[in-house]
Amino acid sequence: MSKVKADSQVKVHYTGKLSNGQIFDSSVDREPLDVKLGQGSLIPGFEKGLLDMEANDKKTIVIAKEDAYGEKQKELFQTVQKSDLPQDMEPKVDMALMATNADGSERQLRVAEVNENDIVVDANHPLAGEDLTFELELVEVQ
């Protein structure tokens, strides 16, 4: 059997959990993730966890936030005046917002705080600052 190497194409089922056990993503009820390693499309800790696995192997890995989405960055929090929001919007903490950058690309924001005249939005990845646990099942190494 072939083992996963740093540049392997793999199919893997996974279930991702937060430290408190809450599931944030899973491929179990859909097609397995089909990805080529070494392309930067996976968080580093997930790729490292797949190395040396063989088809049908199962294991659980814990990925420290540094090998996942990193620490929350304070500079990615911004204050926005409520008067700059759409008139019919009633912001609430944890509400997801979409912002358009100057180049036309979009990025997802989360409302972190709602004050009388403004809100604080967080542009960090939703899983930044979290240690993650993944249950992995390697389906195929190509």
N, C-alpha and C. Protein backbone atom coordinates (compact mmCIF):
# COMPACT_ATOMS: atom_id res chain seq x y z
N MET A 1 0.85 -1.20 0.00
CA MET A 1 0.00 0.00 0.00
C MET A 1 0.88 1.25 0.00
N SER A 2 0.39 2.26 -0.66
CA SER A 2 1.18 3.49 -0.68
C SER A 2 0.78 4.41 0.47
N LYS A 3 1.78 5.10 0.98
CA LYS A 3 1.58 6.03 2.08
C LYS A 3 1.48 7.45 1.55
N VAL A 4 0.79 8.29 2.28
CA VAL A 4 0.65 9.69 1.90
C VAL A 4 2.00 10.38 2.03
N LYS A 5 2.37 11.09 0.96
CA LYS A 5 3.60 11.89 0.95
C LYS A 5 3.22 13.36 0.81
N ALA A 6 4.20 14.23 0.90
CA ALA A 6 3.97 15.68 0.89
C ALA A 6 3.30 16.19 -0.39
N ASP A 7 3.37 15.42 -1.49
CA ASP A 7 2.76 15.88 -2.74
C ASP A 7 1.67 14.93 -3.25
N SER A 8 1.14 14.06 -2.38
CA SER A 8 0.13 13.08 -2.77
C SER A 8 -1.21 13.73 -3.07
N GLN A 9 -1.97 13.08 -3.95
CA GLN A 9 -3.38 13.40 -4.17
C GLN A 9 -4.14 12.43 -3.27
N VAL A 10 -5.02 12.94 -2.41
CA VAL A 10 -5.72 12.09 -1.46
C VAL A 10 -7.21 12.36 -1.46
N LYS A 11 -7.95 11.35 -1.02
CA LYS A 11 -9.37 11.50 -0.70
C LYS A 11 -9.49 11.14 0.77
N VAL A 12 -10.08 12.06 1.53
CA VAL A 12 -10.15 11.86 2.98
C VAL A 12 -11.50 12.35 3.51
N HIS A 13 -12.08 11.54 4.39
CA HIS A 13 -13.25 11.99 5.15
C HIS A 13 -12.72 12.58 6.45
N TYR A 14 -13.39 13.61 6.92
CA TYR A 14 -12.96 14.27 8.15
C TYR A 14 -14.16 14.80 8.92
N THR A 15 -13.97 14.94 10.21
CA THR A 15 -14.90 15.65 11.06
C THR A 15 -14.06 16.58 11.91
N GLY A 16 -14.33 17.89 11.80
CA GLY A 16 -13.59 18.89 12.56
C GLY A 16 -14.38 19.34 13.78
N LYS A 17 -13.69 19.40 14.92
CA LYS A 17 -14.34 19.79 16.18
C LYS A 17 -13.51 20.86 16.88
N LEU A 18 -14.22 21.70 17.62
CA LEU A 18 -13.57 22.67 18.50
C LEU A 18 -13.17 21.97 19.79
N SER A 19 -12.43 22.65 20.64
CA SER A 19 -11.97 22.08 21.91
C SER A 19 -13.12 21.62 22.79
N ASN A 20 -14.28 22.28 22.66
CA ASN A 20 -15.44 21.91 23.49
C ASN A 20 -16.25 20.77 22.89
N GLY A 21 -15.78 20.19 21.76
CA GLY A 21 -16.46 19.07 21.13
C GLY A 21 -17.45 19.44 20.05
N GLN A 22 -17.73 20.74 19.88
CA GLN A 22 -18.68 21.19 18.87
C GLN A 22 -18.12 20.91 17.47
N ILE A 23 -18.92 20.24 16.63
CA ILE A 23 -18.51 19.96 15.25
C ILE A 23 -18.71 21.22 14.43
N PHE A 24 -17.67 21.65 13.69
CA PHE A 24 -17.79 22.83 12.84
C PHE A 24 -17.81 22.47 11.35
N ASP A 25 -17.38 21.26 11.00
CA ASP A 25 -17.42 20.83 9.61
C ASP A 25 -17.20 19.33 9.55
N SER A 26 -17.83 18.69 8.55
CA SER A 26 -17.65 17.25 8.36
C SER A 26 -17.96 16.89 6.91
N SER A 27 -17.22 15.92 6.40
CA SER A 27 -17.48 15.43 5.05
C SER A 27 -18.21 14.09 5.08
N VAL A 28 -18.53 13.60 6.25
CA VAL A 28 -19.06 12.24 6.40
C VAL A 28 -20.33 12.01 5.58
N ASP A 29 -21.21 12.99 5.48
CA ASP A 29 -22.46 12.82 4.74
C ASP A 29 -22.38 13.33 3.30
N ARG A 30 -21.17 13.52 2.80
CA ARG A 30 -20.98 13.94 1.42
C ARG A 30 -19.73 13.28 0.86
N GLU A 31 -19.32 13.68 -0.31
CA GLU A 31 -18.11 13.12 -0.92
C GLU A 31 -16.89 13.47 -0.06
N PRO A 32 -15.90 12.58 -0.03
CA PRO A 32 -14.68 12.92 0.73
C PRO A 32 -13.95 14.09 0.08
N LEU A 33 -13.17 14.78 0.88
CA LEU A 33 -12.32 15.85 0.38
C LEU A 33 -11.29 15.24 -0.56
N ASP A 34 -11.18 15.77 -1.77
CA ASP A 34 -10.23 15.28 -2.79
C ASP A 34 -9.25 16.42 -3.03
N VAL A 35 -8.01 16.26 -2.58
CA VAL A 35 -7.07 17.38 -2.59
C VAL A 35 -5.63 16.90 -2.83
N LYS A 36 -4.86 17.74 -3.49
CA LYS A 36 -3.43 17.47 -3.68
C LYS A 36 -2.67 18.21 -2.58
N LEU A 37 -1.85 17.50 -1.85
CA LEU A 37 -1.08 18.11 -0.78
C LEU A 37 0.04 18.97 -1.36
N GLY A 38 0.52 19.90 -0.53
CA GLY A 38 1.64 20.74 -0.93
C GLY A 38 1.24 21.94 -1.76
N GLN A 39 -0.05 22.18 -1.95
CA GLN A 39 -0.53 23.29 -2.77
C GLN A 39 -0.97 24.50 -1.93
N GLY A 40 -0.94 24.35 -0.60
CA GLY A 40 -1.36 25.45 0.27
C GLY A 40 -2.86 25.58 0.43
N SER A 41 -3.62 24.57 0.00
CA SER A 41 -5.08 24.67 0.09
C SER A 41 -5.63 24.14 1.42
N LEU A 42 -4.78 23.50 2.21
CA LEU A 42 -5.18 22.99 3.52
C LEU A 42 -4.36 23.69 4.61
N ILE A 43 -4.93 23.76 5.80
CA ILE A 43 -4.14 24.30 6.90
C ILE A 43 -2.96 23.36 7.16
N PRO A 44 -1.81 23.90 7.58
CA PRO A 44 -0.60 23.08 7.73
C PRO A 44 -0.78 21.86 8.62
N GLY A 45 -1.45 22.00 9.73
CA GLY A 45 -1.61 20.88 10.66
C GLY A 45 -2.43 19.74 10.07
N PHE A 46 -3.40 20.06 9.21
CA PHE A 46 -4.22 19.03 8.57
C PHE A 46 -3.35 18.22 7.61
N GLU A 47 -2.55 18.92 6.79
CA GLU A 47 -1.65 18.23 5.86
C GLU A 47 -0.67 17.34 6.62
N LYS A 48 -0.05 17.87 7.67
CA LYS A 48 0.92 17.08 8.45
C LYS A 48 0.26 15.83 9.02
N GLY A 49 -0.99 15.96 9.44
CA GLY A 49 -1.71 14.83 10.02
C GLY A 49 -1.97 13.71 9.04
N LEU A 50 -2.03 14.04 7.75
CA LEU A 50 -2.28 13.02 6.72
C LEU A 50 -1.02 12.25 6.32
N LEU A 51 0.14 12.84 6.54
CA LEU A 51 1.39 12.20 6.11
C LEU A 51 1.55 10.81 6.70
N ASP A 52 2.01 9.88 5.88
CA ASP A 52 2.27 8.49 6.24
C ASP A 52 1.03 7.64 6.49
N MET A 53 -0.18 8.22 6.30
CA MET A 53 -1.38 7.40 6.40
C MET A 53 -1.50 6.54 5.14
N GLU A 54 -2.21 5.42 5.25
CA GLU A 54 -2.51 4.55 4.12
C GLU A 54 -4.02 4.46 3.97
N ALA A 55 -4.48 4.03 2.80
CA ALA A 55 -5.91 3.89 2.56
C ALA A 55 -6.56 3.08 3.68
N ASN A 56 -7.72 3.54 4.12
CA ASN A 56 -8.53 2.94 5.19
C ASN A 56 -8.01 3.23 6.60
N ASP A 57 -6.87 3.92 6.73
CA ASP A 57 -6.40 4.32 8.07
C ASP A 57 -7.35 5.35 8.65
N LYS A 58 -7.52 5.29 9.97
CA LYS A 58 -8.30 6.28 10.71
C LYS A 58 -7.45 6.79 11.85
N LYS A 59 -7.55 8.08 12.12
CA LYS A 59 -6.87 8.62 13.30
C LYS A 59 -7.48 9.97 13.66
N THR A 60 -7.20 10.38 14.88
CA THR A 60 -7.64 11.68 15.38
C THR A 60 -6.41 12.52 15.61
N ILE A 61 -6.45 13.77 15.12
CA ILE A 61 -5.32 14.68 15.30
C ILE A 61 -5.82 15.94 15.99
N VAL A 62 -4.95 16.54 16.78
CA VAL A 62 -5.24 17.84 17.40
C VAL A 62 -4.27 18.83 16.79
N ILE A 63 -4.82 19.91 16.26
CA ILE A 63 -4.01 20.93 15.59
C ILE A 63 -4.03 22.20 16.43
N ALA A 64 -2.85 22.60 16.89
CA ALA A 64 -2.74 23.85 17.65
C ALA A 64 -3.09 25.01 16.73
N LYS A 65 -3.65 26.06 17.29
CA LYS A 65 -4.08 27.22 16.49
C LYS A 65 -2.98 27.76 15.59
N GLU A 66 -1.72 27.62 16.01
CA GLU A 66 -0.60 28.10 15.21
C GLU A 66 -0.47 27.33 13.89
N ASP A 67 -0.89 26.07 13.87
CA ASP A 67 -0.86 25.25 12.65
C ASP A 67 -2.23 25.17 11.99
N ALA A 68 -3.16 25.99 12.48
CA ALA A 68 -4.51 26.04 11.90
C ALA A 68 -4.71 27.43 11.28
N TYR A 69 -5.50 28.27 11.93
CA TYR A 69 -5.79 29.60 11.39
C TYR A 69 -5.10 30.72 12.17
N GLY A 70 -4.20 30.34 13.08
CA GLY A 70 -3.43 31.32 13.83
C GLY A 70 -4.21 31.99 14.93
N GLU A 71 -3.53 32.94 15.57
CA GLU A 71 -4.16 33.74 16.63
C GLU A 71 -5.10 34.77 15.99
N LYS A 72 -6.05 35.24 16.77
CA LYS A 72 -6.86 36.37 16.30
C LYS A 72 -5.96 37.59 16.24
N GLN A 73 -6.03 38.33 15.14
CA GLN A 73 -5.20 39.52 14.97
C GLN A 73 -6.03 40.77 15.29
N LYS A 74 -5.55 41.54 16.26
CA LYS A 74 -6.28 42.74 16.70
C LYS A 74 -6.49 43.74 15.57
N GLU A 75 -5.53 43.81 14.63
CA GLU A 75 -5.65 44.79 13.55
C GLU A 75 -6.77 44.42 12.56
N LEU A 76 -7.34 43.23 12.69
CA LEU A 76 -8.45 42.83 11.82
C LEU A 76 -9.82 43.14 12.43
N PHE A 77 -9.82 43.86 13.54
CA PHE A 77 -11.05 44.38 14.14
C PHE A 77 -11.17 45.84 13.73
N GLN A 78 -12.34 46.24 13.25
CA GLN A 78 -12.55 47.63 12.84
C GLN A 78 -13.88 48.14 13.36
N THR A 79 -13.90 49.42 13.66
CA THR A 79 -15.14 50.07 14.07
C THR A 79 -15.81 50.68 12.85
N VAL A 80 -17.11 50.42 12.72
CA VAL A 80 -17.91 50.94 11.61
C VAL A 80 -19.09 51.70 12.20
N GLN A 81 -19.30 52.91 11.72
CA GLN A 81 -20.44 53.70 12.19
C GLN A 81 -21.74 53.06 11.70
N LYS A 82 -22.74 53.01 12.56
CA LYS A 82 -24.03 52.45 12.16
C LYS A 82 -24.62 53.22 10.98
N SER A 83 -24.31 54.52 10.88
CA SER A 83 -24.83 55.32 9.78
C SER A 83 -24.25 54.87 8.43
N ASP A 84 -23.15 54.10 8.44
CA ASP A 84 -22.55 53.59 7.20
C ASP A 84 -23.14 52.24 6.78
N LEU A 85 -24.02 51.69 7.62
CA LEU A 85 -24.64 50.40 7.31
C LEU A 85 -25.93 50.63 6.53
N PRO A 86 -26.40 49.62 5.80
CA PRO A 86 -27.70 49.75 5.14
C PRO A 86 -28.77 50.10 6.17
N GLN A 87 -29.68 50.97 5.78
CA GLN A 87 -30.67 51.52 6.71
C GLN A 87 -31.55 50.44 7.35
N ASP A 88 -31.84 49.39 6.62
CA ASP A 88 -32.74 48.35 7.14
C ASP A 88 -32.00 47.26 7.92
N MET A 89 -30.70 47.41 8.12
CA MET A 89 -29.92 46.39 8.83
C MET A 89 -29.95 46.64 10.33
N GLU A 90 -30.23 45.57 11.07
CA GLU A 90 -30.14 45.63 12.52
C GLU A 90 -29.03 44.68 12.96
N PRO A 91 -27.81 45.20 13.16
CA PRO A 91 -26.67 44.34 13.48
C PRO A 91 -26.81 43.66 14.83
N LYS A 92 -26.36 42.39 14.87
CA LYS A 92 -26.36 41.61 16.10
C LYS A 92 -25.00 40.92 16.21
N VAL A 93 -24.55 40.70 17.43
CA VAL A 93 -23.27 40.02 17.66
C VAL A 93 -23.30 38.65 16.98
N ASP A 94 -22.21 38.32 16.32
CA ASP A 94 -22.00 37.07 15.57
C ASP A 94 -22.69 37.06 14.20
N MET A 95 -23.36 38.14 13.83
CA MET A 95 -23.96 38.23 12.50
C MET A 95 -22.84 38.25 11.46
N ALA A 96 -23.03 37.51 10.38
CA ALA A 96 -22.06 37.50 9.29
C ALA A 96 -22.38 38.63 8.32
N LEU A 97 -21.34 39.33 7.89
CA LEU A 97 -21.48 40.40 6.91
C LEU A 97 -20.50 40.14 5.77
N MET A 98 -20.79 40.70 4.61
CA MET A 98 -19.89 40.61 3.47
C MET A 98 -19.45 42.02 3.14
N ALA A 99 -18.15 42.21 3.00
CA ALA A 99 -17.60 43.53 2.64
C ALA A 99 -16.93 43.42 1.28
N THR A 100 -17.04 44.48 0.51
CA THR A 100 -16.38 44.52 -0.80
C THR A 100 -15.12 45.35 -0.68
N ASN A 101 -13.99 44.77 -1.05
CA ASN A 101 -12.71 45.46 -1.03
C ASN A 101 -12.60 46.41 -2.21
N ALA A 102 -11.61 47.29 -2.17
CA ALA A 102 -11.40 48.28 -3.24
C ALA A 102 -11.19 47.61 -4.59
N ASP A 103 -10.61 46.39 -4.59
CA ASP A 103 -10.36 45.69 -5.86
C ASP A 103 -11.57 44.89 -6.35
N GLY A 104 -12.69 44.98 -5.63
CA GLY A 104 -13.91 44.27 -6.04
C GLY A 104 -14.06 42.90 -5.40
N SER A 105 -13.01 42.39 -4.76
CA SER A 105 -13.12 41.09 -4.10
C SER A 105 -13.94 41.25 -2.81
N GLU A 106 -14.47 40.14 -2.35
CA GLU A 106 -15.29 40.17 -1.14
C GLU A 106 -14.60 39.44 -0.01
N ARG A 107 -14.92 39.86 1.21
CA ARG A 107 -14.41 39.15 2.38
C ARG A 107 -15.51 39.08 3.41
N GLN A 108 -15.47 38.01 4.18
CA GLN A 108 -16.49 37.80 5.19
C GLN A 108 -16.06 38.44 6.50
N LEU A 109 -16.99 39.10 7.14
CA LEU A 109 -16.77 39.73 8.44
C LEU A 109 -17.78 39.16 9.43
N ARG A 110 -17.47 39.32 10.71
CA ARG A 110 -18.38 38.92 11.78
C ARG A 110 -18.55 40.11 12.70
N VAL A 111 -19.79 40.37 13.10
CA VAL A 111 -20.04 41.45 14.06
C VAL A 111 -19.58 40.97 15.42
N ALA A 112 -18.59 41.67 16.00
CA ALA A 112 -18.03 41.28 17.29
C ALA A 112 -18.67 42.04 18.44
N GLU A 113 -19.16 43.25 18.15
CA GLU A 113 -19.68 44.12 19.20
C GLU A 113 -20.68 45.09 18.58
N VAL A 114 -21.76 45.36 19.30
CA VAL A 114 -22.75 46.35 18.86
C VAL A 114 -22.87 47.41 19.94
N ASN A 115 -22.59 48.66 19.56
CA ASN A 115 -22.68 49.79 20.47
C ASN A 115 -23.79 50.71 20.00
N GLU A 116 -24.00 51.81 20.74
CA GLU A 116 -25.10 52.72 20.41
C GLU A 116 -24.94 53.33 19.01
N ASN A 117 -23.75 53.81 18.68
CA ASN A 117 -23.55 54.50 17.40
C ASN A 117 -22.68 53.75 16.39
N ASP A 118 -22.07 52.65 16.83
CA ASP A 118 -21.18 51.93 15.93
C ASP A 118 -21.19 50.44 16.23
N ILE A 119 -20.54 49.69 15.35
CA ILE A 119 -20.33 48.27 15.58
C ILE A 119 -18.84 47.98 15.38
N VAL A 120 -18.38 46.89 15.95
CA VAL A 120 -17.01 46.43 15.73
C VAL A 120 -17.12 45.14 14.92
N VAL A 121 -16.42 45.13 13.77
CA VAL A 121 -16.43 43.94 12.93
C VAL A 121 -15.07 43.25 13.01
N ASP A 122 -15.10 41.94 12.85
CA ASP A 122 -13.91 41.10 12.95
C ASP A 122 -13.70 40.42 11.60
N ALA A 123 -12.54 40.69 10.98
CA ALA A 123 -12.21 40.09 9.68
C ALA A 123 -11.32 38.85 9.82
N ASN A 124 -11.06 38.40 11.04
CA ASN A 124 -10.30 37.18 11.23
C ASN A 124 -11.10 35.99 10.71
N HIS A 125 -10.39 34.91 10.34
CA HIS A 125 -11.08 33.67 9.98
C HIS A 125 -11.92 33.26 11.19
N PRO A 126 -13.13 32.73 10.98
CA PRO A 126 -13.98 32.33 12.12
C PRO A 126 -13.32 31.34 13.08
N LEU A 127 -12.34 30.56 12.61
CA LEU A 127 -11.69 29.59 13.48
C LEU A 127 -10.34 30.07 14.01
N ALA A 128 -9.99 31.33 13.74
CA ALA A 128 -8.74 31.88 14.28
C ALA A 128 -8.79 31.85 15.81
N GLY A 129 -7.66 31.53 16.41
CA GLY A 129 -7.59 31.49 17.87
C GLY A 129 -8.06 30.18 18.47
N GLU A 130 -8.44 29.21 17.62
CA GLU A 130 -8.97 27.93 18.10
C GLU A 130 -8.00 26.79 17.83
N ASP A 131 -7.84 25.89 18.81
CA ASP A 131 -7.19 24.61 18.57
C ASP A 131 -8.27 23.71 17.98
N LEU A 132 -7.92 22.92 16.99
CA LEU A 132 -8.90 22.11 16.27
C LEU A 132 -8.58 20.62 16.39
N THR A 133 -9.62 19.81 16.47
CA THR A 133 -9.47 18.35 16.47
C THR A 133 -10.13 17.82 15.22
N PHE A 134 -9.44 16.94 14.51
CA PHE A 134 -10.00 16.32 13.31
C PHE A 134 -9.96 14.80 13.44
N GLU A 135 -11.09 14.17 13.15
CA GLU A 135 -11.12 12.71 12.98
C GLU A 135 -10.96 12.49 11.50
N LEU A 136 -9.91 11.75 11.11
CA LEU A 136 -9.59 11.52 9.71
C LEU A 136 -9.80 10.07 9.33
N GLU A 137 -10.29 9.86 8.12
CA GLU A 137 -10.35 8.52 7.52
C GLU A 137 -9.86 8.64 6.10
N LEU A 138 -8.68 8.08 5.83
CA LEU A 138 -8.12 8.18 4.49
C LEU A 138 -8.81 7.17 3.59
N VAL A 139 -9.47 7.68 2.56
CA VAL A 139 -10.21 6.84 1.63
C VAL A 139 -9.31 6.31 0.54
N GLU A 140 -8.44 7.21 0.01
CA GLU A 140 -7.62 6.83 -1.14
C GLU A 140 -6.38 7.71 -1.24
N VAL A 141 -5.26 7.08 -1.64
CA VAL A 141 -4.04 7.80 -1.99
C VAL A 141 -3.83 7.55 -3.48
N GLN A 142 -3.74 8.62 -4.26
CA GLN A 142 -3.59 8.45 -5.71
C GLN A 142 -2.16 8.66 -6.14
